[in-house]
Amino acid sequence: MSEGLLQVEIPDFGGSVLVSLNQQRLRGQYCDVSVLVQGQAFKAHRAVLAASSLYFRDLFSSDSSSSPSLSLSSSSSSVRPSVRPSVRPVPSRP
């Protein structure tokens, strides 16, 4: 190990990060996107959606908006390639 560097091992680091991100999402903290599915809005983190879905990664990489709201018209729980979400700004919270 190089001088001046400290190595810390955290058991199940990835799992704890996901738990923390979900808790933040449930409290509405740091959410930067809302996904609207059949009239119901779900707050989310763009980074989590993009990391877990090629569909969202491609959508966000081609989107110039920093805080979109996505409206999905799919009736199933999976997003089909034919579904084209509309992107519009999300109102900021006071």
PDB file of N, CA and C in Angstrom:
ATOM      1  N   MET A   1       0.841  -1.175   0.000  1.00  0.00           N
ATOM      2  CA  MET A   1       0.000   0.000   0.000  1.00  0.00           C
ATOM      3  C   MET A   1       0.886   1.238   0.000  1.00  0.00           C
ATOM      4  N   SER A   2       0.485   2.250  -0.759  1.00  0.00           N
ATOM      5  CA  SER A   2       1.265   3.484  -0.864  1.00  0.00           C
ATOM      6  C   SER A   2       1.178   4.279   0.429  1.00  0.00           C
ATOM      7  N   GLU A   3       2.244   5.006   0.697  1.00  0.00           N
ATOM      8  CA  GLU A   3       2.288   5.834   1.895  1.00  0.00           C
ATOM      9  C   GLU A   3       1.255   6.951   1.799  1.00  0.00           C
ATOM     10  N   GLY A   4       0.539   7.210   2.874  1.00  0.00           N
ATOM     11  CA  GLY A   4      -0.449   8.277   2.904  1.00  0.00           C
ATOM     12  C   GLY A   4      -1.839   7.837   2.474  1.00  0.00           C
ATOM     13  N   LEU A   5      -1.988   6.611   1.960  1.00  0.00           N
ATOM     14  CA  LEU A   5      -3.304   6.124   1.560  1.00  0.00           C
ATOM     15  C   LEU A   5      -3.878   5.228   2.638  1.00  0.00           C
ATOM     16  N   LEU A   6      -5.140   5.358   2.865  1.00  0.00           N
ATOM     17  CA  LEU A   6      -5.827   4.543   3.859  1.00  0.00           C
ATOM     18  C   LEU A   6      -6.856   3.695   3.140  1.00  0.00           C
ATOM     19  N   GLN A   7      -6.852   2.408   3.386  1.00  0.00           N
ATOM     20  CA  GLN A   7      -7.819   1.513   2.768  1.00  0.00           C
ATOM     21  C   GLN A   7      -8.809   1.066   3.831  1.00  0.00           C
ATOM     22  N   VAL A   8     -10.097   1.263   3.526  1.00  0.00           N
ATOM     23  CA  VAL A   8     -11.156   0.885   4.456  1.00  0.00           C
ATOM     24  C   VAL A   8     -12.075  -0.095   3.746  1.00  0.00           C
ATOM     25  N   GLU A   9     -12.347  -1.212   4.385  1.00  0.00           N
ATOM     26  CA  GLU A   9     -13.270  -2.185   3.816  1.00  0.00           C
ATOM     27  C   GLU A   9     -14.612  -2.052   4.509  1.00  0.00           C
ATOM     28  N   ILE A  10     -15.654  -1.935   3.695  1.00  0.00           N
ATOM     29  CA  ILE A  10     -17.005  -1.823   4.227  1.00  0.00           C
ATOM     30  C   ILE A  10     -17.792  -3.020   3.717  1.00  0.00           C
ATOM     31  N   PRO A  11     -18.179  -3.921   4.621  1.00  0.00           N
ATOM     32  CA  PRO A  11     -18.941  -5.093   4.186  1.00  0.00           C
ATOM     33  C   PRO A  11     -20.258  -4.682   3.530  1.00  0.00           C
ATOM     34  N   ASP A  12     -20.602  -5.325   2.420  1.00  0.00           N
ATOM     35  CA  ASP A  12     -21.845  -5.092   1.683  1.00  0.00           C
ATOM     36  C   ASP A  12     -22.059  -3.621   1.366  1.00  0.00           C
ATOM     37  N   PHE A  13     -21.018  -2.957   0.898  1.00  0.00           N
ATOM     38  CA  PHE A  13     -21.091  -1.536   0.576  1.00  0.00           C
ATOM     39  C   PHE A  13     -22.184  -1.257  -0.456  1.00  0.00           C
ATOM     40  N   GLY A  14     -22.225  -2.059  -1.520  1.00  0.00           N
ATOM     41  CA  GLY A  14     -23.222  -1.853  -2.567  1.00  0.00           C
ATOM     42  C   GLY A  14     -24.640  -1.964  -2.041  1.00  0.00           C
ATOM     43  N   GLY A  15     -24.878  -2.961  -1.202  1.00  0.00           N
ATOM     44  CA  GLY A  15     -26.201  -3.142  -0.610  1.00  0.00           C
ATOM     45  C   GLY A  15     -26.600  -1.965   0.264  1.00  0.00           C
ATOM     46  N   SER A  16     -25.645  -1.452   1.064  1.00  0.00           N
ATOM     47  CA  SER A  16     -25.976  -0.306   1.921  1.00  0.00           C
ATOM     48  C   SER A  16     -26.235   0.957   1.122  1.00  0.00           C
ATOM     49  N   VAL A  17     -25.524   1.118   0.001  1.00  0.00           N
ATOM     50  CA  VAL A  17     -25.757   2.283  -0.846  1.00  0.00           C
ATOM     51  C   VAL A  17     -27.168   2.216  -1.435  1.00  0.00           C
ATOM     52  N   LEU A  18     -27.572   1.035  -1.915  1.00  0.00           N
ATOM     53  CA  LEU A  18     -28.907   0.887  -2.489  1.00  0.00           C
ATOM     54  C   LEU A  18     -30.007   1.117  -1.450  1.00  0.00           C
ATOM     55  N   VAL A  19     -29.800   0.624  -0.235  1.00  0.00           N
ATOM     56  CA  VAL A  19     -30.773   0.859   0.837  1.00  0.00           C
ATOM     57  C   VAL A  19     -30.886   2.350   1.125  1.00  0.00           C
ATOM     58  N   SER A  20     -29.756   3.034   1.187  1.00  0.00           N
ATOM     59  CA  SER A  20     -29.753   4.471   1.450  1.00  0.00           C
ATOM     60  C   SER A  20     -30.428   5.245   0.320  1.00  0.00           C
ATOM     61  N   LEU A  21     -30.134   4.891  -0.926  1.00  0.00           N
ATOM     62  CA  LEU A  21     -30.770   5.556  -2.063  1.00  0.00           C
ATOM     63  C   LEU A  21     -32.285   5.353  -2.042  1.00  0.00           C
ATOM     64  N   ASN A  22     -32.731   4.155  -1.695  1.00  0.00           N
ATOM     65  CA  ASN A  22     -34.168   3.897  -1.634  1.00  0.00           C
ATOM     66  C   ASN A  22     -34.821   4.700  -0.507  1.00  0.00           C
ATOM     67  N   GLN A  23     -34.162   4.800   0.634  1.00  0.00           N
ATOM     68  CA  GLN A  23     -34.701   5.610   1.735  1.00  0.00           C
ATOM     69  C   GLN A  23     -34.805   7.075   1.311  1.00  0.00           C
ATOM     70  N   GLN A  24     -33.797   7.577   0.621  1.00  0.00           N
ATOM     71  CA  GLN A  24     -33.840   8.954   0.120  1.00  0.00           C
ATOM     72  C   GLN A  24     -34.986   9.130  -0.862  1.00  0.00           C
ATOM     73  N   ARG A  25     -35.180   8.153  -1.744  1.00  0.00           N
ATOM     74  CA  ARG A  25     -36.267   8.219  -2.727  1.00  0.00           C
ATOM     75  C   ARG A  25     -37.619   8.248  -2.031  1.00  0.00           C
ATOM     76  N   LEU A  26     -37.802   7.395  -1.027  1.00  0.00           N
ATOM     77  CA  LEU A  26     -39.073   7.344  -0.311  1.00  0.00           C
ATOM     78  C   LEU A  26     -39.376   8.661   0.413  1.00  0.00           C
ATOM     79  N   ARG A  27     -38.327   9.363   0.864  1.00  0.00           N
ATOM     80  CA  ARG A  27     -38.498  10.667   1.515  1.00  0.00           C
ATOM     81  C   ARG A  27     -38.538  11.811   0.505  1.00  0.00           C
ATOM     82  N   GLY A  28     -38.313  11.494  -0.776  1.00  0.00           N
ATOM     83  CA  GLY A  28     -38.312  12.528  -1.815  1.00  0.00           C
ATOM     84  C   GLY A  28     -37.033  13.341  -1.842  1.00  0.00           C
ATOM     85  N   GLN A  29     -35.982  12.863  -1.201  1.00  0.00           N
ATOM     86  CA  GLN A  29     -34.718  13.598  -1.152  1.00  0.00           C
ATOM     87  C   GLN A  29     -33.879  13.298  -2.393  1.00  0.00           C
ATOM     88  N   TYR A  30     -33.337  14.328  -2.987  1.00  0.00           N
ATOM     89  CA  TYR A  30     -32.391  14.234  -4.093  1.00  0.00           C
ATOM     90  C   TYR A  30     -32.979  13.571  -5.339  1.00  0.00           C
ATOM     91  N   CYS A  31     -34.294  13.386  -5.389  1.00  0.00           N
ATOM     92  CA  CYS A  31     -34.920  12.823  -6.579  1.00  0.00           C
ATOM     93  C   CYS A  31     -34.857  13.871  -7.688  1.00  0.00           C
ATOM     94  N   ASP A  32     -34.431  13.446  -8.856  1.00  0.00           N
ATOM     95  CA  ASP A  32     -34.290  14.393  -9.946  1.00  0.00           C
ATOM     96  C   ASP A  32     -35.114  14.002 -11.168  1.00  0.00           C
ATOM     97  N   VAL A  33     -36.020  13.053 -11.008  1.00  0.00           N
ATOM     98  CA  VAL A  33     -36.904  12.662 -12.095  1.00  0.00           C
ATOM     99  C   VAL A  33     -38.189  12.089 -11.500  1.00  0.00           C
ATOM    100  N   SER A  34     -39.290  12.303 -12.193  1.00  0.00           N
ATOM    101  CA  SER A  34     -40.553  11.659 -11.849  1.00  0.00           C
ATOM    102  C   SER A  34     -40.987  10.849 -13.052  1.00  0.00           C
ATOM    103  N   VAL A  35     -41.378   9.613 -12.809  1.00  0.00           N
ATOM    104  CA  VAL A  35     -41.877   8.753 -13.871  1.00  0.00           C
ATOM    105  C   VAL A  35     -43.376   8.610 -13.649  1.00  0.00           C
ATOM    106  N   LEU A  36     -44.143   9.039 -14.638  1.00  0.00           N
ATOM    107  CA  LEU A  36     -45.603   9.005 -14.551  1.00  0.00           C
ATOM    108  C   LEU A  36     -46.100   7.802 -15.329  1.00  0.00           C
ATOM    109  N   VAL A  37     -46.730   6.848 -14.627  1.00  0.00           N
ATOM    110  CA  VAL A  37     -47.270   5.635 -15.250  1.00  0.00           C
ATOM    111  C   VAL A  37     -48.750   5.570 -14.943  1.00  0.00           C
ATOM    112  N   GLN A  38     -49.568   5.669 -15.984  1.00  0.00           N
ATOM    113  CA  GLN A  38     -51.016   5.618 -15.871  1.00  0.00           C
ATOM    114  C   GLN A  38     -51.526   6.537 -14.762  1.00  0.00           C
ATOM    115  N   GLY A  39     -51.036   7.764 -14.756  1.00  0.00           N
ATOM    116  CA  GLY A  39     -51.505   8.768 -13.819  1.00  0.00           C
ATOM    117  C   GLY A  39     -50.849   8.745 -12.450  1.00  0.00           C
ATOM    118  N   GLN A  40     -49.996   7.772 -12.165  1.00  0.00           N
ATOM    119  CA  GLN A  40     -49.328   7.706 -10.871  1.00  0.00           C
ATOM    120  C   GLN A  40     -47.865   8.100 -11.029  1.00  0.00           C
ATOM    121  N   ALA A  41     -47.416   9.073 -10.231  1.00  0.00           N
ATOM    122  CA  ALA A  41     -46.039   9.566 -10.303  1.00  0.00           C
ATOM    123  C   ALA A  41     -45.146   8.801  -9.338  1.00  0.00           C
ATOM    124  N   PHE A  42     -43.976   8.423  -9.823  1.00  0.00           N
ATOM    125  CA  PHE A  42     -42.967   7.749  -9.013  1.00  0.00           C
ATOM    126  C   PHE A  42     -41.703   8.594  -9.060  1.00  0.00           C
ATOM    127  N   LYS A  43     -41.273   9.086  -7.901  1.00  0.00           N
ATOM    128  CA  LYS A  43     -40.028   9.858  -7.843  1.00  0.00           C
ATOM    129  C   LYS A  43     -38.865   8.879  -7.903  1.00  0.00           C
ATOM    130  N   ALA A  44     -37.784   9.324  -8.551  1.00  0.00           N
ATOM    131  CA  ALA A  44     -36.637   8.441  -8.719  1.00  0.00           C
ATOM    132  C   ALA A  44     -35.356   9.248  -8.887  1.00  0.00           C
ATOM    133  N   HIS A  45     -34.256   8.527  -8.870  1.00  0.00           N
ATOM    134  CA  HIS A  45     -32.938   9.089  -9.122  1.00  0.00           C
ATOM    135  C   HIS A  45     -32.531   8.680 -10.534  1.00  0.00           C
ATOM    136  N   ARG A  46     -32.225   9.664 -11.383  1.00  0.00           N
ATOM    137  CA  ARG A  46     -31.816   9.365 -12.763  1.00  0.00           C
ATOM    138  C   ARG A  46     -30.643   8.389 -12.793  1.00  0.00           C
ATOM    139  N   ALA A  47     -29.676   8.573 -11.915  1.00  0.00           N
ATOM    140  CA  ALA A  47     -28.486   7.719 -11.920  1.00  0.00           C
ATOM    141  C   ALA A  47     -28.847   6.263 -11.652  1.00  0.00           C
ATOM    142  N   VAL A  48     -29.792   6.028 -10.745  1.00  0.00           N
ATOM    143  CA  VAL A  48     -30.201   4.655 -10.433  1.00  0.00           C
ATOM    144  C   VAL A  48     -30.946   4.045 -11.619  1.00  0.00           C
ATOM    145  N   LEU A  49     -31.866   4.815 -12.217  1.00  0.00           N
ATOM    146  CA  LEU A  49     -32.588   4.310 -13.387  1.00  0.00           C
ATOM    147  C   LEU A  49     -31.622   3.998 -14.532  1.00  0.00           C
ATOM    148  N   ALA A  50     -30.693   4.909 -14.787  1.00  0.00           N
ATOM    149  CA  ALA A  50     -29.743   4.723 -15.883  1.00  0.00           C
ATOM    150  C   ALA A  50     -28.801   3.546 -15.621  1.00  0.00           C
ATOM    151  N   ALA A  51     -28.408   3.352 -14.364  1.00  0.00           N
ATOM    152  CA  ALA A  51     -27.497   2.254 -14.030  1.00  0.00           C
ATOM    153  C   ALA A  51     -28.182   0.895 -14.117  1.00  0.00           C
ATOM    154  N   SER A  52     -29.489   0.872 -13.943  1.00  0.00           N
ATOM    155  CA  SER A  52     -30.190  -0.409 -13.923  1.00  0.00           C
ATOM    156  C   SER A  52     -30.988  -0.696 -15.190  1.00  0.00           C
ATOM    157  N   SER A  53     -31.004   0.227 -16.148  1.00  0.00           N
ATOM    158  CA  SER A  53     -31.812   0.033 -17.345  1.00  0.00           C
ATOM    159  C   SER A  53     -31.152   0.699 -18.557  1.00  0.00           C
ATOM    160  N   LEU A  54     -30.884  -0.099 -19.573  1.00  0.00           N
ATOM    161  CA  LEU A  54     -30.324   0.455 -20.809  1.00  0.00           C
ATOM    162  C   LEU A  54     -31.300   1.436 -21.450  1.00  0.00           C
ATOM    163  N   TYR A  55     -32.586   1.166 -21.325  1.00  0.00           N
ATOM    164  CA  TYR A  55     -33.605   2.051 -21.883  1.00  0.00           C
ATOM    165  C   TYR A  55     -33.464   3.456 -21.293  1.00  0.00           C
ATOM    166  N   PHE A  56     -33.418   3.546 -19.946  1.00  0.00           N
ATOM    167  CA  PHE A  56     -33.301   4.855 -19.304  1.00  0.00           C
ATOM    168  C   PHE A  56     -31.928   5.473 -19.546  1.00  0.00           C
ATOM    169  N   ARG A  57     -30.880   4.658 -19.579  1.00  0.00           N
ATOM    170  CA  ARG A  57     -29.543   5.199 -19.850  1.00  0.00           C
ATOM    171  C   ARG A  57     -29.532   5.899 -21.202  1.00  0.00           C
ATOM    172  N   ASP A  58     -30.082   5.232 -22.213  1.00  0.00           N
ATOM    173  CA  ASP A  58     -30.123   5.830 -23.548  1.00  0.00           C
ATOM    174  C   ASP A  58     -31.013   7.067 -23.572  1.00  0.00           C
ATOM    175  N   LEU A  59     -32.145   6.999 -22.889  1.00  0.00           N
ATOM    176  CA  LEU A  59     -33.066   8.133 -22.845  1.00  0.00           C
ATOM    177  C   LEU A  59     -32.410   9.344 -22.202  1.00  0.00           C
ATOM    178  N   PHE A  60     -31.770   9.149 -21.049  1.00  0.00           N
ATOM    179  CA  PHE A  60     -31.155  10.267 -20.340  1.00  0.00           C
ATOM    180  C   PHE A  60     -29.911  10.784 -21.061  1.00  0.00           C
ATOM    181  N   SER A  61     -29.175   9.924 -21.746  1.00  0.00           N
ATOM    182  CA  SER A  61     -27.976  10.397 -22.429  1.00  0.00           C
ATOM    183  C   SER A  61     -28.330  11.242 -23.653  1.00  0.00           C
ATOM    184  N   SER A  62     -29.539  11.050 -24.184  1.00  0.00           N
ATOM    185  CA  SER A  62     -29.951  11.866 -25.330  1.00  0.00           C
ATOM    186  C   SER A  62     -30.798  13.057 -24.912  1.00  0.00           C
ATOM    187  N   ASP A  63     -31.094  13.166 -23.615  1.00  0.00           N
ATOM    188  CA  ASP A  63     -31.949  14.235 -23.089  1.00  0.00           C
ATOM    189  C   ASP A  63     -31.095  15.370 -22.566  1.00  0.00           C
ATOM    190  N   SER A  64     -31.431  16.594 -22.969  1.00  0.00           N
ATOM    191  CA  SER A  64     -30.659  17.747 -22.513  1.00  0.00           C
ATOM    192  C   SER A  64     -31.236  18.369 -21.246  1.00  0.00           C
ATOM    193  N   SER A  65     -32.442  17.965 -20.847  1.00  0.00           N
ATOM    194  CA  SER A  65     -33.081  18.519 -19.654  1.00  0.00           C
ATOM    195  C   SER A  65     -32.448  17.942 -18.395  1.00  0.00           C
ATOM    196  N   SER A  66     -32.275  18.763 -17.368  1.00  0.00           N
ATOM    197  CA  SER A  66     -31.655  18.260 -16.142  1.00  0.00           C
ATOM    198  C   SER A  66     -32.662  17.621 -15.192  1.00  0.00           C
ATOM    199  N   SER A  67     -33.939  17.932 -15.307  1.00  0.00           N
ATOM    200  CA  SER A  67     -34.941  17.375 -14.402  1.00  0.00           C
ATOM    201  C   SER A  67     -36.217  17.009 -15.153  1.00  0.00           C
ATOM    202  N   PRO A  68     -36.188  15.916 -15.922  1.00  0.00           N
ATOM    203  CA  PRO A  68     -37.382  15.593 -16.697  1.00  0.00           C
ATOM    204  C   PRO A  68     -38.429  14.855 -15.880  1.00  0.00           C
ATOM    205  N   SER A  69     -39.640  14.915 -16.384  1.00  0.00           N
ATOM    206  CA  SER A  69     -40.714  14.068 -15.908  1.00  0.00           C
ATOM    207  C   SER A  69     -41.063  13.163 -17.069  1.00  0.00           C
ATOM    208  N   LEU A  70     -41.081  11.870 -16.842  1.00  0.00           N
ATOM    209  CA  LEU A  70     -41.346  10.917 -17.902  1.00  0.00           C
ATOM    210  C   LEU A  70     -42.748  10.387 -17.754  1.00  0.00           C
ATOM    211  N   SER A  71     -43.489  10.346 -18.846  1.00  0.00           N
ATOM    212  CA  SER A  71     -44.834   9.809 -18.838  1.00  0.00           C
ATOM    213  C   SER A  71     -44.841   8.541 -19.669  1.00  0.00           C
ATOM    214  N   LEU A  72     -45.064   7.399 -19.012  1.00  0.00           N
ATOM    215  CA  LEU A  72     -45.062   6.118 -19.701  1.00  0.00           C
ATOM    216  C   LEU A  72     -46.490   5.614 -19.824  1.00  0.00           C
ATOM    217  N   SER A  73     -46.865   5.179 -21.016  1.00  0.00           N
ATOM    218  CA  SER A  73     -48.234   4.724 -21.223  1.00  0.00           C
ATOM    219  C   SER A  73     -48.338   3.213 -21.208  1.00  0.00           C
ATOM    220  N   SER A  74     -47.277   2.518 -20.814  1.00  0.00           N
ATOM    221  CA  SER A  74     -47.288   1.064 -20.778  1.00  0.00           C
ATOM    222  C   SER A  74     -48.188   0.568 -19.657  1.00  0.00           C
ATOM    223  N   SER A  75     -48.997  -0.456 -19.949  1.00  0.00           N
ATOM    224  CA  SER A  75     -49.863  -1.018 -18.912  1.00  0.00           C
ATOM    225  C   SER A  75     -49.171  -2.151 -18.173  1.00  0.00           C
ATOM    226  N   SER A  76     -48.017  -2.595 -18.665  1.00  0.00           N
ATOM    227  CA  SER A  76     -47.285  -3.656 -17.981  1.00  0.00           C
ATOM    228  C   SER A  76     -46.185  -3.050 -17.129  1.00  0.00           C
ATOM    229  N   SER A  77     -45.568  -3.891 -16.303  1.00  0.00           N
ATOM    230  CA  SER A  77     -44.518  -3.383 -15.422  1.00  0.00           C
ATOM    231  C   SER A  77     -43.197  -3.206 -16.157  1.00  0.00           C
ATOM    232  N   SER A  78     -43.069  -3.765 -17.353  1.00  0.00           N
ATOM    233  CA  SER A  78     -41.832  -3.588 -18.111  1.00  0.00           C
ATOM    234  C   SER A  78     -42.042  -2.535 -19.187  1.00  0.00           C
ATOM    235  N   VAL A  79     -41.004  -1.800 -19.474  1.00  0.00           N
ATOM    236  CA  VAL A  79     -41.080  -0.748 -20.484  1.00  0.00           C
ATOM    237  C   VAL A  79     -40.706  -1.359 -21.822  1.00  0.00           C
ATOM    238  N   ARG A  80     -41.594  -1.287 -22.765  1.00  0.00           N
ATOM    239  CA  ARG A  80     -41.350  -1.821 -24.102  1.00  0.00           C
ATOM    240  C   ARG A  80     -40.662  -0.748 -24.944  1.00  0.00           C
ATOM    241  N   PRO A  81     -39.824  -1.160 -25.910  1.00  0.00           N
ATOM    242  CA  PRO A  81     -39.155  -0.174 -26.762  1.00  0.00           C
ATOM    243  C   PRO A  81     -40.124   0.729 -27.520  1.00  0.00           C
ATOM    244  N   SER A  82     -41.353   0.259 -27.767  1.00  0.00           N
ATOM    245  CA  SER A  82     -42.305   1.079 -28.517  1.00  0.00           C
ATOM    246  C   SER A  82     -42.871   2.232 -27.686  1.00  0.00           C
ATOM    247  N   VAL A  83     -42.689   2.167 -26.369  1.00  0.00           N
ATOM    248  CA  VAL A  83     -43.197   3.234 -25.500  1.00  0.00           C
ATOM    249  C   VAL A  83     -42.245   4.415 -25.581  1.00  0.00           C
ATOM    250  N   ARG A  84     -42.778   5.576 -25.935  1.00  0.00           N
ATOM    251  CA  ARG A  84     -41.949   6.779 -26.034  1.00  0.00           C
ATOM    252  C   ARG A  84     -42.407   7.771 -24.974  1.00  0.00           C
ATOM    253  N   PRO A  85     -41.662   7.904 -23.887  1.00  0.00           N
ATOM    254  CA  PRO A  85     -42.073   8.837 -22.842  1.00  0.00           C
ATOM    255  C   PRO A  85     -41.958  10.280 -23.305  1.00  0.00           C
ATOM    256  N   SER A  86     -42.868  11.100 -22.820  1.00  0.00           N
ATOM    257  CA  SER A  86     -42.733  12.525 -23.075  1.00  0.00           C
ATOM    258  C   SER A  86     -41.913  13.117 -21.941  1.00  0.00           C
ATOM    259  N   VAL A  87     -41.040  14.046 -22.255  1.00  0.00           N
ATOM    260  CA  VAL A  87     -40.159  14.631 -21.253  1.00  0.00           C
ATOM    261  C   VAL A  87     -40.557  16.084 -21.050  1.00  0.00           C
ATOM    262  N   ARG A  88     -40.801  16.441 -19.792  1.00  0.00           N
ATOM    263  CA  ARG A  88     -41.133  17.824 -19.464  1.00  0.00           C
ATOM    264  C   ARG A  88     -40.533  18.160 -18.110  1.00  0.00           C
ATOM    265  N   PRO A  89     -40.318  19.434 -17.801  1.00  0.00           N
ATOM    266  CA  PRO A  89     -39.682  19.807 -16.529  1.00  0.00           C
ATOM    267  C   PRO A  89     -40.521  19.391 -15.333  1.00  0.00           C
ATOM    268  N   VAL A  90     -39.845  19.040 -14.263  1.00  0.00           N
ATOM    269  CA  VAL A  90     -40.485  18.714 -13.000  1.00  0.00           C
ATOM    270  C   VAL A  90     -40.501  19.982 -12.157  1.00  0.00           C
ATOM    271  N   PRO A  91     -41.654  20.351 -11.592  1.00  0.00           N
ATOM    272  CA  PRO A  91     -41.682  21.551 -10.737  1.00  0.00           C
ATOM    273  C   PRO A  91     -40.771  21.365  -9.539  1.00  0.00           C
ATOM    274  N   SER A  92     -40.001  22.375  -9.206  1.00  0.00           N
ATOM    275  CA  SER A  92     -39.113  22.274  -8.052  1.00  0.00           C
ATOM    276  C   SER A  92     -39.906  22.461  -6.779  1.00  0.00           C
ATOM    277  N   ARG A  93     -39.431  21.783  -5.712  1.00  0.00           N
ATOM    278  CA  ARG A  93     -40.093  21.860  -4.419  1.00  0.00           C
ATOM    279  C   ARG A  93     -39.624  23.101  -3.673  1.00  0.00           C
ATOM    280  N   PRO A  94     -40.539  23.732  -2.905  1.00  0.00           N
ATOM    281  CA  PRO A  94     -40.137  24.947  -2.159  1.00  0.00           C
ATOM    282  C   PRO A  94     -39.137  24.648  -1.080  1.00  0.00           C
TER     283      PRO A  94
END
